Amino acid sequence: MDFNIRPISKVCATTGQPLVAGETCWSVLVETDGKLVRHDYSVSAWDGPPEDAIGHWESEVPASSETGPQLQLSLIHISEPTR
């Protein structure tokens, strides 16, 4: 199964502040209108994944000239489905 997930954002989803190359950030996948949407957070703004998160992971913000690391599904925390 292939997923089309956009690359890391340039700004924190909570603060709007730039995500700095080389620093750690957290990313979350949520479903919005039937599509997977990625949100990226600085460590200082990270308060854990939202309840509706499908998955979340920690990574390093790449330099702007880099494409960034490829997602390794083994490192993504997949949330248990709610019933």
Protein backbone atom coordinates (compact mmCIF):
# COMPACT_ATOMS: atom_id res chain seq x y z
CA MET A 1 0.00 0.00 0.00
CA ASP A 2 1.45 3.39 -0.99
CA PHE A 3 0.74 6.63 0.81
CA ASN A 4 1.31 10.08 -0.65
CA ILE A 5 2.46 12.07 2.38
CA ARG A 6 3.90 15.53 1.85
CA PRO A 7 7.44 16.35 2.99
CA ILE A 8 8.11 18.07 6.29
CA SER A 9 6.68 21.56 6.73
CA LYS A 10 8.86 24.62 7.12
CA VAL A 11 6.91 25.84 10.16
CA CYS A 12 5.47 24.38 13.37
CA ALA A 13 1.75 23.61 13.13
CA THR A 14 1.12 25.07 16.60
CA THR A 15 3.39 28.12 16.85
CA GLY A 16 3.93 29.05 13.20
CA GLN A 17 7.63 29.42 14.01
CA PRO A 18 10.21 28.02 11.55
CA LEU A 19 11.40 24.45 12.02
CA VAL A 20 15.20 24.69 12.18
CA ALA A 21 17.45 22.36 10.17
CA GLY A 22 19.20 19.83 12.40
CA GLU A 23 16.68 20.11 15.22
CA THR A 24 14.27 17.38 16.26
CA CYS A 25 10.59 17.68 15.38
CA TRP A 26 7.47 15.54 15.70
CA SER A 27 5.08 14.71 12.86
CA VAL A 28 1.52 13.45 13.00
CA LEU A 29 -0.87 11.97 10.44
CA VAL A 30 -4.58 12.66 10.79
CA GLU A 31 -7.47 12.04 8.44
CA THR A 32 -9.24 15.15 7.19
CA ASP A 33 -12.03 14.92 4.63
CA GLY A 34 -10.94 11.40 3.70
CA LYS A 35 -7.30 12.39 3.10
CA LEU A 36 -4.17 11.81 5.19
CA VAL A 37 -2.83 15.15 6.39
CA ARG A 38 0.59 15.64 7.97
CA HIS A 39 1.25 18.19 10.73
CA ASP A 40 4.77 18.95 11.99
CA TYR A 41 5.63 20.30 15.45
CA SER A 42 8.73 21.70 17.14
CA VAL A 43 9.84 19.84 20.27
CA SER A 44 8.83 22.80 22.46
CA ALA A 45 5.28 22.76 21.02
CA TRP A 46 4.89 18.96 21.08
CA ASP A 47 2.31 17.89 23.62
CA GLY A 48 1.81 14.39 22.30
CA PRO A 49 -0.32 13.24 19.38
CA PRO A 50 -3.94 14.35 19.12
CA GLU A 51 -6.58 11.75 19.91
CA ASP A 52 -7.51 11.44 16.23
CA ALA A 53 -3.91 10.76 15.13
CA ILE A 54 -3.43 7.80 12.83
CA GLY A 55 0.30 7.76 13.52
CA HIS A 56 3.17 9.93 14.74
CA TRP A 57 6.97 9.95 14.58
CA GLU A 58 10.05 11.89 15.61
CA SER A 59 12.63 13.03 13.06
CA GLU A 60 15.35 15.57 12.36
CA VAL A 61 14.51 18.65 10.30
CA PRO A 62 16.56 18.38 7.09
CA ALA A 63 18.55 21.23 5.56
CA SER A 64 16.45 23.03 2.95
CA SER A 65 18.51 21.53 0.11
CA GLU A 66 17.87 17.98 1.34
CA THR A 67 14.80 15.97 0.53
CA GLY A 68 14.72 14.66 4.10
CA PRO A 69 14.59 11.13 5.36
CA GLN A 70 12.19 8.64 3.87
CA LEU A 71 9.53 7.44 6.27
CA GLN A 72 10.37 4.11 7.79
CA LEU A 73 7.07 2.51 8.67
CA SER A 74 8.74 0.50 11.43
CA LEU A 75 9.45 3.76 13.28
CA ILE A 76 5.94 5.21 13.04
CA HIS A 77 3.67 4.84 16.05
CA ILE A 78 0.33 3.69 14.69
CA SER A 79 -2.66 4.48 16.86
CA GLU A 80 -5.15 1.80 17.81
CA PRO A 81 -8.48 2.23 16.05
CA THR A 82 -11.30 3.46 18.24
CA ARG A 83 -14.65 1.76 18.15
